[in-house]
Amino acid sequence: MGNPIVHWELLVNDLEVAKKFYSAVFDWTIEESSFPGYPMIQTGAEPNGAMMAKPDPDLKSALTTYFGVDDIEESLTKAVAAGATLVVPRTPIPGVGYWAMFNDPDGIPIGLFQAE
């Protein structure tokens, strides 16, 4: 089986403005999480997502999709070998798992998630 989409994230300029906007437009429930500055979004169907302030104002895309993988290091190695650029190396999410991010050859950010 392939690697399913397990999470998505909106990268925004202003969290408060974005929370009000998306709640009003899509009736999403947006609640603070245990990660400061990373509110979780409940859309009413899986996969749900989150939002955060852009870590780099020059990012070309503001919607990041996360794909579930068994081994982030292996997936990052394959991605870089195929022409991707590493953005965020394997990073722990305490009690949850690990995440990483790369830009594909077109500069589109792609997230990876490995459950703990």
N, C-alpha and C. Protein backbone atom coordinates (compact mmCIF):
# COMPACT_ATOMS: atom_id res chain seq x y z
N MET A 1 0.84 -1.18 0.00
CA MET A 1 0.00 0.00 0.00
C MET A 1 0.88 1.24 0.00
N GLY A 2 0.43 2.29 -0.63
CA GLY A 2 1.17 3.55 -0.69
C GLY A 2 1.14 4.28 0.64
N ASN A 3 1.61 5.49 0.63
CA ASN A 3 1.66 6.30 1.83
C ASN A 3 0.51 7.30 1.81
N PRO A 4 -0.46 7.17 2.74
CA PRO A 4 -1.65 8.03 2.73
C PRO A 4 -1.36 9.42 3.28
N ILE A 5 -2.21 10.37 2.94
CA ILE A 5 -2.16 11.69 3.57
C ILE A 5 -2.66 11.50 4.99
N VAL A 6 -1.86 11.95 5.96
CA VAL A 6 -2.23 11.77 7.36
C VAL A 6 -2.47 13.10 8.08
N HIS A 7 -2.03 14.20 7.47
CA HIS A 7 -2.16 15.50 8.13
C HIS A 7 -1.90 16.58 7.10
N TRP A 8 -2.48 17.74 7.30
CA TRP A 8 -2.17 18.89 6.46
C TRP A 8 -2.07 20.11 7.35
N GLU A 9 -1.42 21.15 6.82
CA GLU A 9 -1.16 22.32 7.66
C GLU A 9 -1.17 23.57 6.80
N LEU A 10 -1.87 24.57 7.28
CA LEU A 10 -1.87 25.88 6.63
C LEU A 10 -0.77 26.73 7.25
N LEU A 11 0.09 27.28 6.41
CA LEU A 11 1.12 28.19 6.88
C LEU A 11 0.61 29.61 6.59
N VAL A 12 0.42 30.39 7.64
CA VAL A 12 -0.25 31.68 7.51
C VAL A 12 0.63 32.81 8.01
N ASN A 13 0.27 34.03 7.62
CA ASN A 13 0.99 35.21 8.08
C ASN A 13 0.56 35.63 9.48
N ASP A 14 -0.73 35.48 9.80
CA ASP A 14 -1.27 35.93 11.09
C ASP A 14 -2.24 34.87 11.60
N LEU A 15 -1.86 34.19 12.67
CA LEU A 15 -2.68 33.09 13.21
C LEU A 15 -4.08 33.54 13.59
N GLU A 16 -4.19 34.66 14.28
CA GLU A 16 -5.51 35.10 14.76
C GLU A 16 -6.44 35.43 13.60
N VAL A 17 -5.93 36.12 12.60
CA VAL A 17 -6.74 36.45 11.42
C VAL A 17 -7.15 35.16 10.71
N ALA A 18 -6.22 34.24 10.54
CA ALA A 18 -6.51 32.99 9.83
C ALA A 18 -7.53 32.14 10.59
N LYS A 19 -7.40 32.07 11.92
CA LYS A 19 -8.35 31.28 12.71
C LYS A 19 -9.77 31.83 12.53
N LYS A 20 -9.92 33.12 12.61
CA LYS A 20 -11.25 33.74 12.42
C LYS A 20 -11.77 33.49 11.01
N PHE A 21 -10.91 33.67 10.01
CA PHE A 21 -11.31 33.50 8.62
C PHE A 21 -11.79 32.07 8.34
N TYR A 22 -10.96 31.07 8.65
CA TYR A 22 -11.31 29.69 8.32
C TYR A 22 -12.48 29.16 9.15
N SER A 23 -12.60 29.63 10.37
CA SER A 23 -13.77 29.25 11.18
C SER A 23 -15.05 29.80 10.56
N ALA A 24 -14.99 31.04 10.09
CA ALA A 24 -16.18 31.67 9.51
C ALA A 24 -16.53 31.08 8.15
N VAL A 25 -15.52 30.83 7.32
CA VAL A 25 -15.78 30.36 5.96
C VAL A 25 -16.18 28.89 5.91
N PHE A 26 -15.48 28.03 6.67
CA PHE A 26 -15.70 26.59 6.57
C PHE A 26 -16.33 25.95 7.80
N ASP A 27 -16.67 26.75 8.81
CA ASP A 27 -17.23 26.22 10.06
C ASP A 27 -16.30 25.21 10.73
N TRP A 28 -15.00 25.40 10.58
CA TRP A 28 -14.04 24.52 11.22
C TRP A 28 -13.94 24.85 12.70
N THR A 29 -13.68 23.85 13.51
CA THR A 29 -13.35 24.05 14.92
C THR A 29 -11.84 24.14 15.01
N ILE A 30 -11.36 25.26 15.53
CA ILE A 30 -9.91 25.48 15.62
C ILE A 30 -9.58 25.72 17.08
N GLU A 31 -8.77 24.83 17.65
CA GLU A 31 -8.46 24.88 19.07
C GLU A 31 -6.96 24.84 19.29
N GLU A 32 -6.51 25.53 20.32
CA GLU A 32 -5.10 25.50 20.68
C GLU A 32 -4.71 24.06 21.03
N SER A 33 -3.46 23.74 20.77
CA SER A 33 -2.96 22.40 21.07
C SER A 33 -1.88 22.49 22.14
N SER A 34 -1.29 21.37 22.44
CA SER A 34 -0.21 21.36 23.42
C SER A 34 1.08 21.95 22.83
N PHE A 35 1.08 22.23 21.54
CA PHE A 35 2.22 22.86 20.88
C PHE A 35 1.89 24.34 20.69
N PRO A 36 2.49 25.24 21.45
CA PRO A 36 2.18 26.67 21.34
C PRO A 36 2.31 27.18 19.90
N GLY A 37 1.33 27.95 19.46
CA GLY A 37 1.37 28.50 18.12
C GLY A 37 1.02 27.51 17.03
N TYR A 38 0.38 26.39 17.41
CA TYR A 38 0.05 25.35 16.44
C TYR A 38 -1.38 24.85 16.70
N PRO A 39 -2.40 25.71 16.44
CA PRO A 39 -3.77 25.27 16.68
C PRO A 39 -4.19 24.16 15.72
N MET A 40 -4.94 23.21 16.26
CA MET A 40 -5.42 22.07 15.49
C MET A 40 -6.77 22.42 14.86
N ILE A 41 -6.99 21.90 13.66
CA ILE A 41 -8.21 22.18 12.90
C ILE A 41 -9.01 20.89 12.76
N GLN A 42 -10.26 20.92 13.22
CA GLN A 42 -11.19 19.81 13.03
C GLN A 42 -12.15 20.21 11.93
N THR A 43 -12.10 19.50 10.81
CA THR A 43 -12.93 19.86 9.66
C THR A 43 -14.25 19.09 9.63
N GLY A 44 -14.35 18.04 10.42
CA GLY A 44 -15.52 17.18 10.39
C GLY A 44 -15.26 15.87 9.69
N ALA A 45 -14.07 15.70 9.10
CA ALA A 45 -13.69 14.45 8.43
C ALA A 45 -12.17 14.32 8.45
N GLU A 46 -11.69 13.09 8.43
CA GLU A 46 -10.25 12.83 8.41
C GLU A 46 -9.70 13.02 7.00
N PRO A 47 -8.46 13.41 6.81
CA PRO A 47 -7.56 13.84 7.87
C PRO A 47 -7.82 15.28 8.25
N ASN A 48 -7.64 15.59 9.52
CA ASN A 48 -7.76 16.95 10.00
C ASN A 48 -6.40 17.62 9.86
N GLY A 49 -6.30 18.88 10.27
CA GLY A 49 -5.05 19.58 10.06
C GLY A 49 -4.72 20.54 11.19
N ALA A 50 -3.87 21.49 10.86
CA ALA A 50 -3.42 22.49 11.82
C ALA A 50 -2.97 23.72 11.04
N MET A 51 -2.62 24.76 11.78
CA MET A 51 -2.04 25.94 11.14
C MET A 51 -0.93 26.47 12.01
N MET A 52 -0.02 27.19 11.36
CA MET A 52 1.08 27.81 12.08
C MET A 52 1.57 29.01 11.28
N ALA A 53 2.26 29.91 11.96
CA ALA A 53 2.87 31.04 11.27
C ALA A 53 3.96 30.51 10.33
N LYS A 54 4.08 31.12 9.17
CA LYS A 54 5.10 30.69 8.22
C LYS A 54 6.49 30.76 8.86
N PRO A 55 7.24 29.66 8.80
CA PRO A 55 8.59 29.71 9.35
C PRO A 55 9.55 30.48 8.45
N ASP A 56 9.18 30.64 7.19
CA ASP A 56 9.99 31.37 6.23
C ASP A 56 9.03 32.16 5.34
N PRO A 57 9.06 33.50 5.39
CA PRO A 57 8.11 34.29 4.60
C PRO A 57 8.23 34.10 3.10
N ASP A 58 9.32 33.49 2.63
CA ASP A 58 9.51 33.28 1.20
C ASP A 58 8.95 31.95 0.70
N LEU A 59 8.29 31.17 1.58
CA LEU A 59 7.71 29.90 1.14
C LEU A 59 6.74 30.14 0.00
N LYS A 60 6.81 29.30 -1.02
CA LYS A 60 5.95 29.46 -2.19
C LYS A 60 4.54 28.92 -1.96
N SER A 61 4.41 27.92 -1.14
CA SER A 61 3.12 27.32 -0.87
C SER A 61 2.77 27.54 0.58
N ALA A 62 1.49 27.66 0.85
CA ALA A 62 1.07 27.86 2.23
C ALA A 62 0.18 26.73 2.71
N LEU A 63 0.09 25.65 1.95
CA LEU A 63 -0.65 24.46 2.38
C LEU A 63 0.32 23.29 2.28
N THR A 64 0.60 22.69 3.41
CA THR A 64 1.52 21.57 3.42
C THR A 64 0.74 20.29 3.70
N THR A 65 0.96 19.29 2.88
CA THR A 65 0.33 18.00 3.07
C THR A 65 1.37 17.05 3.65
N TYR A 66 0.96 16.28 4.66
CA TYR A 66 1.87 15.32 5.30
C TYR A 66 1.49 13.91 4.89
N PHE A 67 2.49 13.14 4.51
CA PHE A 67 2.29 11.76 4.14
C PHE A 67 2.87 10.87 5.24
N GLY A 68 2.10 9.87 5.63
CA GLY A 68 2.55 8.92 6.64
C GLY A 68 3.56 7.97 6.05
N VAL A 69 4.69 7.80 6.74
CA VAL A 69 5.74 6.89 6.29
C VAL A 69 6.19 6.02 7.46
N ASP A 70 6.79 4.90 7.14
CA ASP A 70 7.31 4.00 8.17
C ASP A 70 8.68 4.44 8.68
N ASP A 71 9.46 5.10 7.81
CA ASP A 71 10.82 5.48 8.16
C ASP A 71 11.15 6.82 7.51
N ILE A 72 11.12 7.88 8.29
CA ILE A 72 11.36 9.23 7.75
C ILE A 72 12.74 9.34 7.11
N GLU A 73 13.76 8.82 7.77
CA GLU A 73 15.12 8.93 7.22
C GLU A 73 15.21 8.29 5.83
N GLU A 74 14.62 7.12 5.69
CA GLU A 74 14.63 6.45 4.40
C GLU A 74 13.89 7.27 3.35
N SER A 75 12.72 7.81 3.74
CA SER A 75 11.93 8.62 2.80
C SER A 75 12.67 9.90 2.41
N LEU A 76 13.34 10.55 3.38
CA LEU A 76 14.10 11.75 3.07
C LEU A 76 15.26 11.44 2.12
N THR A 77 15.92 10.32 2.36
CA THR A 77 17.03 9.91 1.49
C THR A 77 16.53 9.72 0.06
N LYS A 78 15.41 9.04 -0.09
CA LYS A 78 14.83 8.83 -1.43
C LYS A 78 14.45 10.15 -2.07
N ALA A 79 13.83 11.04 -1.29
CA ALA A 79 13.39 12.33 -1.83
C ALA A 79 14.57 13.17 -2.32
N VAL A 80 15.61 13.27 -1.50
CA VAL A 80 16.78 14.06 -1.88
C VAL A 80 17.46 13.45 -3.10
N ALA A 81 17.56 12.12 -3.14
CA ALA A 81 18.16 11.45 -4.29
C ALA A 81 17.35 11.70 -5.57
N ALA A 82 16.05 11.92 -5.43
CA ALA A 82 15.19 12.15 -6.59
C ALA A 82 15.12 13.63 -6.97
N GLY A 83 15.81 14.50 -6.20
CA GLY A 83 15.84 15.91 -6.58
C GLY A 83 15.21 16.87 -5.59
N ALA A 84 14.78 16.38 -4.43
CA ALA A 84 14.17 17.25 -3.41
C ALA A 84 15.26 17.99 -2.64
N THR A 85 14.84 19.05 -1.96
CA THR A 85 15.72 19.82 -1.08
C THR A 85 15.19 19.69 0.34
N LEU A 86 16.05 19.29 1.25
CA LEU A 86 15.66 19.14 2.64
C LEU A 86 15.35 20.52 3.24
N VAL A 87 14.22 20.62 3.93
CA VAL A 87 13.82 21.86 4.60
C VAL A 87 13.92 21.69 6.11
N VAL A 88 13.32 20.62 6.63
CA VAL A 88 13.36 20.32 8.07
C VAL A 88 13.73 18.85 8.21
N PRO A 89 14.83 18.54 8.90
CA PRO A 89 15.21 17.14 9.10
C PRO A 89 14.24 16.45 10.07
N ARG A 90 14.42 15.17 10.24
CA ARG A 90 13.61 14.38 11.19
C ARG A 90 13.60 15.11 12.53
N THR A 91 12.40 15.44 13.00
CA THR A 91 12.23 16.23 14.22
C THR A 91 11.21 15.54 15.11
N PRO A 92 11.54 15.34 16.38
CA PRO A 92 10.59 14.66 17.27
C PRO A 92 9.39 15.52 17.62
N ILE A 93 8.24 14.86 17.75
CA ILE A 93 7.03 15.43 18.33
C ILE A 93 6.80 14.59 19.58
N PRO A 94 7.18 15.08 20.75
CA PRO A 94 7.14 14.26 21.96
C PRO A 94 5.78 13.58 22.19
N GLY A 95 5.85 12.27 22.38
CA GLY A 95 4.65 11.49 22.65
C GLY A 95 3.80 11.19 21.43
N VAL A 96 4.23 11.66 20.24
CA VAL A 96 3.42 11.49 19.03
C VAL A 96 4.19 10.76 17.93
N GLY A 97 5.39 11.24 17.64
CA GLY A 97 6.17 10.65 16.56
C GLY A 97 7.22 11.62 16.07
N TYR A 98 7.38 11.69 14.74
CA TYR A 98 8.40 12.53 14.12
C TYR A 98 7.85 13.17 12.87
N TRP A 99 8.40 14.32 12.53
CA TRP A 99 8.03 14.97 11.27
C TRP A 99 9.27 15.48 10.58
N ALA A 100 9.14 15.74 9.28
CA ALA A 100 10.21 16.31 8.47
C ALA A 100 9.55 16.98 7.28
N MET A 101 10.32 17.80 6.57
CA MET A 101 9.78 18.47 5.40
C MET A 101 10.86 18.64 4.35
N PHE A 102 10.45 18.52 3.09
CA PHE A 102 11.34 18.79 1.97
C PHE A 102 10.56 19.55 0.90
N ASN A 103 11.29 20.21 0.02
CA ASN A 103 10.68 20.83 -1.16
C ASN A 103 10.91 19.90 -2.33
N ASP A 104 9.85 19.66 -3.09
CA ASP A 104 10.01 18.84 -4.28
C ASP A 104 10.75 19.65 -5.34
N PRO A 105 11.05 19.07 -6.51
CA PRO A 105 11.82 19.80 -7.52
C PRO A 105 11.16 21.11 -7.99
N ASP A 106 9.84 21.25 -7.80
CA ASP A 106 9.15 22.49 -8.16
C ASP A 106 9.10 23.48 -6.99
N GLY A 107 9.70 23.12 -5.86
CA GLY A 107 9.68 24.00 -4.70
C GLY A 107 8.46 23.85 -3.81
N ILE A 108 7.66 22.82 -4.05
CA ILE A 108 6.45 22.59 -3.25
C ILE A 108 6.84 21.87 -1.97
N PRO A 109 6.48 22.43 -0.79
CA PRO A 109 6.82 21.74 0.46
C PRO A 109 5.97 20.49 0.66
N ILE A 110 6.62 19.43 1.06
CA ILE A 110 5.97 18.14 1.34
C ILE A 110 6.38 17.73 2.75
N GLY A 111 5.39 17.40 3.56
CA GLY A 111 5.66 16.95 4.92
C GLY A 111 5.62 15.44 5.04
N LEU A 112 6.41 14.93 5.96
CA LEU A 112 6.42 13.51 6.28
C LEU A 112 6.10 13.35 7.77
N PHE A 113 5.37 12.30 8.09
CA PHE A 113 5.05 11.99 9.49
C PHE A 113 5.31 10.52 9.73
N GLN A 114 6.01 10.24 10.82
CA GLN A 114 6.25 8.86 11.26
C GLN A 114 5.71 8.74 12.67
N ALA A 115 4.73 7.86 12.87
CA ALA A 115 4.15 7.66 14.19
C ALA A 115 5.19 7.05 15.12
N GLU A 116 5.05 7.36 16.41
CA GLU A 116 5.98 6.85 17.41
C GLU A 116 5.81 5.36 17.56
